[in-house]
Amino acid sequence: MRIFDYEGQRDLTDVAISLSRDEAMDLLTTLERLVKQPNLSKVYLSQINGNVIEREIAIALDQQNWPSLARTA
């Protein structure tokens, strides 16, 4: 897993993400699309206010063999 800060142009190592239940469902749906559609290289989950993106997370499947994360219960 790589978490990259576009504004700071650096990798982040310690991050917390808090989601509402609806946001978690949106993230789940977005991840399912990414995994099930091999033609997708990246998906975005965005919070838009008017015509302005207030927050956005870009998610891509990494083709490198990074170590696996510990499994959670």
PDB file of N, CA and C in Angstrom:
ATOM      1  N   MET A   1       0.847  -1.165   0.000  1.00  0.00           N
ATOM      2  CA  MET A   1       0.000   0.000   0.000  1.00  0.00           C
ATOM      3  C   MET A   1       0.894   1.230   0.000  1.00  0.00           C
ATOM      4  N   ARG A   2       0.516   2.170  -0.822  1.00  0.00           N
ATOM      5  CA  ARG A   2       1.225   3.449  -0.863  1.00  0.00           C
ATOM      6  C   ARG A   2       0.179   4.538  -0.705  1.00  0.00           C
ATOM      7  N   ILE A   3       0.375   5.433   0.244  1.00  0.00           N
ATOM      8  CA  ILE A   3      -0.505   6.574   0.447  1.00  0.00           C
ATOM      9  C   ILE A   3       0.310   7.809   0.117  1.00  0.00           C
ATOM     10  N   PHE A   4      -0.121   8.532  -0.907  1.00  0.00           N
ATOM     11  CA  PHE A   4       0.652   9.649  -1.437  1.00  0.00           C
ATOM     12  C   PHE A   4      -0.135  10.945  -1.283  1.00  0.00           C
ATOM     13  N   ASP A   5       0.528  11.979  -0.785  1.00  0.00           N
ATOM     14  CA  ASP A   5      -0.063  13.302  -0.629  1.00  0.00           C
ATOM     15  C   ASP A   5       0.284  14.119  -1.873  1.00  0.00           C
ATOM     16  N   TYR A   6      -0.720  14.357  -2.736  1.00  0.00           N
ATOM     17  CA  TYR A   6      -0.470  15.108  -3.965  1.00  0.00           C
ATOM     18  C   TYR A   6      -0.015  16.531  -3.687  1.00  0.00           C
ATOM     19  N   GLU A   7      -0.614  17.182  -2.683  1.00  0.00           N
ATOM     20  CA  GLU A   7      -0.240  18.566  -2.393  1.00  0.00           C
ATOM     21  C   GLU A   7       1.189  18.670  -1.875  1.00  0.00           C
ATOM     22  N   GLY A   8       1.566  17.784  -0.970  1.00  0.00           N
ATOM     23  CA  GLY A   8       2.912  17.810  -0.404  1.00  0.00           C
ATOM     24  C   GLY A   8       3.929  17.054  -1.216  1.00  0.00           C
ATOM     25  N   GLN A   9       3.464  16.315  -2.242  1.00  0.00           N
ATOM     26  CA  GLN A   9       4.348  15.521  -3.101  1.00  0.00           C
ATOM     27  C   GLN A   9       5.235  14.580  -2.302  1.00  0.00           C
ATOM     28  N   ARG A  10       4.594  13.841  -1.361  1.00  0.00           N
ATOM     29  CA  ARG A  10       5.363  12.882  -0.558  1.00  0.00           C
ATOM     30  C   ARG A  10       4.461  11.739  -0.112  1.00  0.00           C
ATOM     31  N   ASP A  11       5.091  10.637   0.232  1.00  0.00           N
ATOM     32  CA  ASP A  11       4.361   9.501   0.784  1.00  0.00           C
ATOM     33  C   ASP A  11       4.000   9.784   2.234  1.00  0.00           C
ATOM     34  N   LEU A  12       2.858   9.283   2.664  1.00  0.00           N
ATOM     35  CA  LEU A  12       2.433   9.383   4.050  1.00  0.00           C
ATOM     36  C   LEU A  12       2.503   8.001   4.668  1.00  0.00           C
ATOM     37  N   THR A  13       2.862   7.936   5.942  1.00  0.00           N
ATOM     38  CA  THR A  13       3.014   6.636   6.582  1.00  0.00           C
ATOM     39  C   THR A  13       2.019   6.387   7.701  1.00  0.00           C
ATOM     40  N   ASP A  14       1.364   7.429   8.174  1.00  0.00           N
ATOM     41  CA  ASP A  14       0.446   7.278   9.304  1.00  0.00           C
ATOM     42  C   ASP A  14      -0.803   8.107   9.020  1.00  0.00           C
ATOM     43  N   VAL A  15      -1.881   7.441   8.633  1.00  0.00           N
ATOM     44  CA  VAL A  15      -3.082   8.137   8.171  1.00  0.00           C
ATOM     45  C   VAL A  15      -4.307   7.539   8.835  1.00  0.00           C
ATOM     46  N   ALA A  16      -5.257   8.398   9.180  1.00  0.00           N
ATOM     47  CA  ALA A  16      -6.556   7.944   9.678  1.00  0.00           C
ATOM     48  C   ALA A  16      -7.624   8.459   8.719  1.00  0.00           C
ATOM     49  N   ILE A  17      -8.573   7.594   8.376  1.00  0.00           N
ATOM     50  CA  ILE A  17      -9.681   7.980   7.509  1.00  0.00           C
ATOM     51  C   ILE A  17     -10.968   7.668   8.251  1.00  0.00           C
ATOM     52  N   SER A  18     -11.782   8.683   8.446  1.00  0.00           N
ATOM     53  CA  SER A  18     -13.078   8.496   9.105  1.00  0.00           C
ATOM     54  C   SER A  18     -14.179   8.671   8.065  1.00  0.00           C
ATOM     55  N   LEU A  19     -15.038   7.672   7.961  1.00  0.00           N
ATOM     56  CA  LEU A  19     -16.111   7.689   6.975  1.00  0.00           C
ATOM     57  C   LEU A  19     -17.455   7.505   7.648  1.00  0.00           C
ATOM     58  N   SER A  20     -18.466   8.147   7.090  1.00  0.00           N
ATOM     59  CA  SER A  20     -19.830   7.844   7.503  1.00  0.00           C
ATOM     60  C   SER A  20     -20.189   6.486   6.912  1.00  0.00           C
ATOM     61  N   ARG A  21     -21.274   5.918   7.338  1.00  0.00           N
ATOM     62  CA  ARG A  21     -21.714   4.630   6.781  1.00  0.00           C
ATOM     63  C   ARG A  21     -21.959   4.760   5.272  1.00  0.00           C
ATOM     64  N   ASP A  22     -22.583   5.848   4.848  1.00  0.00           N
ATOM     65  CA  ASP A  22     -22.834   6.053   3.414  1.00  0.00           C
ATOM     66  C   ASP A  22     -21.531   6.192   2.631  1.00  0.00           C
ATOM     67  N   GLU A  23     -20.566   6.906   3.190  1.00  0.00           N
ATOM     68  CA  GLU A  23     -19.277   7.050   2.527  1.00  0.00           C
ATOM     69  C   GLU A  23     -18.556   5.712   2.438  1.00  0.00           C
ATOM     70  N   ALA A  24     -18.669   4.907   3.482  1.00  0.00           N
ATOM     71  CA  ALA A  24     -18.053   3.573   3.462  1.00  0.00           C
ATOM     72  C   ALA A  24     -18.687   2.719   2.366  1.00  0.00           C
ATOM     73  N   MET A  25     -19.991   2.822   2.215  1.00  0.00           N
ATOM     74  CA  MET A  25     -20.670   2.062   1.150  1.00  0.00           C
ATOM     75  C   MET A  25     -20.215   2.551  -0.228  1.00  0.00           C
ATOM     76  N   ASP A  26     -20.061   3.865  -0.390  1.00  0.00           N
ATOM     77  CA  ASP A  26     -19.557   4.409  -1.657  1.00  0.00           C
ATOM     78  C   ASP A  26     -18.150   3.898  -1.939  1.00  0.00           C
ATOM     79  N   LEU A  27     -17.301   3.866  -0.920  1.00  0.00           N
ATOM     80  CA  LEU A  27     -15.940   3.368  -1.083  1.00  0.00           C
ATOM     81  C   LEU A  27     -15.950   1.889  -1.464  1.00  0.00           C
ATOM     82  N   LEU A  28     -16.796   1.108  -0.809  1.00  0.00           N
ATOM     83  CA  LEU A  28     -16.907  -0.315  -1.128  1.00  0.00           C
ATOM     84  C   LEU A  28     -17.320  -0.519  -2.582  1.00  0.00           C
ATOM     85  N   THR A  29     -18.307   0.221  -3.024  1.00  0.00           N
ATOM     86  CA  THR A  29     -18.773   0.120  -4.413  1.00  0.00           C
ATOM     87  C   THR A  29     -17.665   0.518  -5.382  1.00  0.00           C
ATOM     88  N   THR A  30     -16.938   1.568  -5.036  1.00  0.00           N
ATOM     89  CA  THR A  30     -15.840   2.038  -5.881  1.00  0.00           C
ATOM     90  C   THR A  30     -14.735   0.990  -5.974  1.00  0.00           C
ATOM     91  N   LEU A  31     -14.379   0.381  -4.859  1.00  0.00           N
ATOM     92  CA  LEU A  31     -13.345  -0.662  -4.856  1.00  0.00           C
ATOM     93  C   LEU A  31     -13.786  -1.890  -5.632  1.00  0.00           C
ATOM     94  N   GLU A  32     -15.056  -2.264  -5.502  1.00  0.00           N
ATOM     95  CA  GLU A  32     -15.571  -3.412  -6.256  1.00  0.00           C
ATOM     96  C   GLU A  32     -15.472  -3.162  -7.752  1.00  0.00           C
ATOM     97  N   ARG A  33     -15.782  -1.951  -8.197  1.00  0.00           N
ATOM     98  CA  ARG A  33     -15.645  -1.610  -9.618  1.00  0.00           C
ATOM     99  C   ARG A  33     -14.211  -1.769 -10.068  1.00  0.00           C
ATOM    100  N   LEU A  34     -13.274  -1.288  -9.273  1.00  0.00           N
ATOM    101  CA  LEU A  34     -11.864  -1.342  -9.628  1.00  0.00           C
ATOM    102  C   LEU A  34     -11.380  -2.786  -9.756  1.00  0.00           C
ATOM    103  N   VAL A  35     -11.798  -3.637  -8.834  1.00  0.00           N
ATOM    104  CA  VAL A  35     -11.349  -5.028  -8.834  1.00  0.00           C
ATOM    105  C   VAL A  35     -11.999  -5.829  -9.960  1.00  0.00           C
ATOM    106  N   LYS A  36     -13.262  -5.564 -10.242  1.00  0.00           N
ATOM    107  CA  LYS A  36     -14.013  -6.359 -11.213  1.00  0.00           C
ATOM    108  C   LYS A  36     -13.822  -5.915 -12.657  1.00  0.00           C
ATOM    109  N   GLN A  37     -13.316  -4.716 -12.869  1.00  0.00           N
ATOM    110  CA  GLN A  37     -13.160  -4.202 -14.233  1.00  0.00           C
ATOM    111  C   GLN A  37     -11.680  -3.972 -14.524  1.00  0.00           C
ATOM    112  N   PRO A  38     -11.019  -4.965 -15.116  1.00  0.00           N
ATOM    113  CA  PRO A  38      -9.572  -4.874 -15.332  1.00  0.00           C
ATOM    114  C   PRO A  38      -9.152  -3.717 -16.239  1.00  0.00           C
ATOM    115  N   ASN A  39     -10.082  -3.158 -16.996  1.00  0.00           N
ATOM    116  CA  ASN A  39      -9.727  -2.037 -17.869  1.00  0.00           C
ATOM    117  C   ASN A  39      -9.600  -0.720 -17.090  1.00  0.00           C
ATOM    118  N   LEU A  40     -10.088  -0.688 -15.839  1.00  0.00           N
ATOM    119  CA  LEU A  40      -9.938   0.509 -15.018  1.00  0.00           C
ATOM    120  C   LEU A  40      -8.556   0.518 -14.381  1.00  0.00           C
ATOM    121  N   SER A  41      -7.880   1.655 -14.481  1.00  0.00           N
ATOM    122  CA  SER A  41      -6.574   1.755 -13.841  1.00  0.00           C
ATOM    123  C   SER A  41      -6.642   2.539 -12.534  1.00  0.00           C
ATOM    124  N   LYS A  42      -7.648   3.412 -12.420  1.00  0.00           N
ATOM    125  CA  LYS A  42      -7.774   4.247 -11.231  1.00  0.00           C
ATOM    126  C   LYS A  42      -9.229   4.678 -11.101  1.00  0.00           C
ATOM    127  N   VAL A  43      -9.708   4.773  -9.868  1.00  0.00           N
ATOM    128  CA  VAL A  43     -11.049   5.291  -9.596  1.00  0.00           C
ATOM    129  C   VAL A  43     -10.936   6.415  -8.570  1.00  0.00           C
ATOM    130  N   TYR A  44     -11.928   7.273  -8.572  1.00  0.00           N
ATOM    131  CA  TYR A  44     -11.931   8.424  -7.677  1.00  0.00           C
ATOM    132  C   TYR A  44     -13.208   8.430  -6.856  1.00  0.00           C
ATOM    133  N   LEU A  45     -13.073   8.794  -5.606  1.00  0.00           N
ATOM    134  CA  LEU A  45     -14.212   9.018  -4.729  1.00  0.00           C
ATOM    135  C   LEU A  45     -14.099  10.481  -4.312  1.00  0.00           C
ATOM    136  N   SER A  46     -15.064  11.294  -4.746  1.00  0.00           N
ATOM    137  CA  SER A  46     -14.953  12.736  -4.578  1.00  0.00           C
ATOM    138  C   SER A  46     -16.134  13.307  -3.816  1.00  0.00           C
ATOM    139  N   GLN A  47     -15.862  14.369  -3.061  1.00  0.00           N
ATOM    140  CA  GLN A  47     -16.912  15.158  -2.430  1.00  0.00           C
ATOM    141  C   GLN A  47     -16.932  16.486  -3.168  1.00  0.00           C
ATOM    142  N   ILE A  48     -18.068  16.774  -3.814  1.00  0.00           N
ATOM    143  CA  ILE A  48     -18.181  17.963  -4.650  1.00  0.00           C
ATOM    144  C   ILE A  48     -19.198  18.910  -4.035  1.00  0.00           C
ATOM    145  N   ASN A  49     -18.846  20.187  -3.992  1.00  0.00           N
ATOM    146  CA  ASN A  49     -19.747  21.228  -3.511  1.00  0.00           C
ATOM    147  C   ASN A  49     -19.891  22.236  -4.634  1.00  0.00           C
ATOM    148  N   GLY A  50     -21.080  22.285  -5.237  1.00  0.00           N
ATOM    149  CA  GLY A  50     -21.250  23.105  -6.434  1.00  0.00           C
ATOM    150  C   GLY A  50     -20.478  22.470  -7.568  1.00  0.00           C
ATOM    151  N   ASN A  51     -19.545  23.205  -8.134  1.00  0.00           N
ATOM    152  CA  ASN A  51     -18.679  22.668  -9.187  1.00  0.00           C
ATOM    153  C   ASN A  51     -17.243  22.501  -8.705  1.00  0.00           C
ATOM    154  N   VAL A  52     -17.050  22.488  -7.378  1.00  0.00           N
ATOM    155  CA  VAL A  52     -15.702  22.437  -6.815  1.00  0.00           C
ATOM    156  C   VAL A  52     -15.498  21.125  -6.058  1.00  0.00           C
ATOM    157  N   ILE A  53     -14.397  20.440  -6.350  1.00  0.00           N
ATOM    158  CA  ILE A  53     -14.041  19.240  -5.598  1.00  0.00           C
ATOM    159  C   ILE A  53     -13.459  19.681  -4.265  1.00  0.00           C
ATOM    160  N   GLU A  54     -14.129  19.316  -3.166  1.00  0.00           N
ATOM    161  CA  GLU A  54     -13.641  19.682  -1.835  1.00  0.00           C
ATOM    162  C   GLU A  54     -12.657  18.655  -1.295  1.00  0.00           C
ATOM    163  N   ARG A  55     -12.955  17.379  -1.513  1.00  0.00           N
ATOM    164  CA  ARG A  55     -12.087  16.281  -1.070  1.00  0.00           C
ATOM    165  C   ARG A  55     -12.145  15.202  -2.142  1.00  0.00           C
ATOM    166  N   GLU A  56     -11.025  14.515  -2.284  1.00  0.00           N
ATOM    167  CA  GLU A  56     -11.008  13.438  -3.274  1.00  0.00           C
ATOM    168  C   GLU A  56      -9.952  12.420  -2.882  1.00  0.00           C
ATOM    169  N   ILE A  57     -10.296  11.167  -3.099  1.00  0.00           N
ATOM    170  CA  ILE A  57      -9.336  10.087  -2.908  1.00  0.00           C
ATOM    171  C   ILE A  57      -9.258   9.328  -4.233  1.00  0.00           C
ATOM    172  N   ALA A  58      -8.042   9.120  -4.703  1.00  0.00           N
ATOM    173  CA  ALA A  58      -7.797   8.348  -5.919  1.00  0.00           C
ATOM    174  C   ALA A  58      -7.283   6.983  -5.491  1.00  0.00           C
ATOM    175  N   ILE A  59      -7.860   5.935  -6.065  1.00  0.00           N
ATOM    176  CA  ILE A  59      -7.482   4.575  -5.697  1.00  0.00           C
ATOM    177  C   ILE A  59      -7.099   3.821  -6.965  1.00  0.00           C
ATOM    178  N   ALA A  60      -5.924   3.192  -6.929  1.00  0.00           N
ATOM    179  CA  ALA A  60      -5.435   2.418  -8.075  1.00  0.00           C
ATOM    180  C   ALA A  60      -4.930   1.079  -7.562  1.00  0.00           C
ATOM    181  N   LEU A  61      -5.032   0.065  -8.402  1.00  0.00           N
ATOM    182  CA  LEU A  61      -4.433  -1.221  -8.072  1.00  0.00           C
ATOM    183  C   LEU A  61      -2.954  -1.143  -8.422  1.00  0.00           C
ATOM    184  N   ASP A  62      -2.117  -1.452  -7.468  1.00  0.00           N
ATOM    185  CA  ASP A  62      -0.671  -1.391  -7.638  1.00  0.00           C
ATOM    186  C   ASP A  62      -0.211  -2.675  -8.304  1.00  0.00           C
ATOM    187  N   GLN A  63       0.578  -2.551  -9.315  1.00  0.00           N
ATOM    188  CA  GLN A  63       1.084  -3.720 -10.042  1.00  0.00           C
ATOM    189  C   GLN A  63       2.355  -4.281  -9.424  1.00  0.00           C
ATOM    190  N   GLN A  64       2.933  -3.544  -8.456  1.00  0.00           N
ATOM    191  CA  GLN A  64       4.136  -4.030  -7.788  1.00  0.00           C
ATOM    192  C   GLN A  64       3.750  -5.023  -6.706  1.00  0.00           C
ATOM    193  N   ASN A  65       4.683  -5.820  -6.286  1.00  0.00           N
ATOM    194  CA  ASN A  65       4.441  -6.811  -5.235  1.00  0.00           C
ATOM    195  C   ASN A  65       4.870  -6.257  -3.892  1.00  0.00           C
ATOM    196  N   TRP A  66       4.001  -5.445  -3.277  1.00  0.00           N
ATOM    197  CA  TRP A  66       4.272  -4.910  -1.960  1.00  0.00           C
ATOM    198  C   TRP A  66       3.907  -5.942  -0.922  1.00  0.00           C
ATOM    199  N   PRO A  67       4.489  -5.884   0.275  1.00  0.00           N
ATOM    200  CA  PRO A  67       4.104  -6.821   1.345  1.00  0.00           C
ATOM    201  C   PRO A  67       2.628  -6.670   1.680  1.00  0.00           C
ATOM    202  N   SER A  68       1.990  -7.769   2.028  1.00  0.00           N
ATOM    203  CA  SER A  68       0.579  -7.754   2.382  1.00  0.00           C
ATOM    204  C   SER A  68       0.370  -7.094   3.736  1.00  0.00           C
ATOM    205  N   LEU A  69      -0.801  -6.499   3.896  1.00  0.00           N
ATOM    206  CA  LEU A  69      -1.164  -5.946   5.190  1.00  0.00           C
ATOM    207  C   LEU A  69      -1.597  -7.066   6.108  1.00  0.00           C
ATOM    208  N   ALA A  70      -1.474  -6.833   7.382  1.00  0.00           N
ATOM    209  CA  ALA A  70      -1.993  -7.813   8.367  1.00  0.00           C
ATOM    210  C   ALA A  70      -3.501  -7.888   8.201  1.00  0.00           C
ATOM    211  N   ARG A  71      -4.045  -9.063   8.349  1.00  0.00           N
ATOM    212  CA  ARG A  71      -5.487  -9.247   8.247  1.00  0.00           C
ATOM    213  C   ARG A  71      -6.160  -8.735   9.507  1.00  0.00           C
ATOM    214  N   THR A  72      -7.327  -8.121   9.319  1.00  0.00           N
ATOM    215  CA  THR A  72      -8.074  -7.612  10.456  1.00  0.00           C
ATOM    216  C   THR A  72      -9.291  -8.486  10.703  1.00  0.00           C
ATOM    217  N   ALA A  73      -9.744  -8.502  11.949  1.00  0.00           N
ATOM    218  CA  ALA A  73     -10.896  -9.334  12.310  1.00  0.00           C
ATOM    219  C   ALA A  73     -12.174  -8.575  12.050  1.00  0.00           C
TER     220      ALA A  73
END
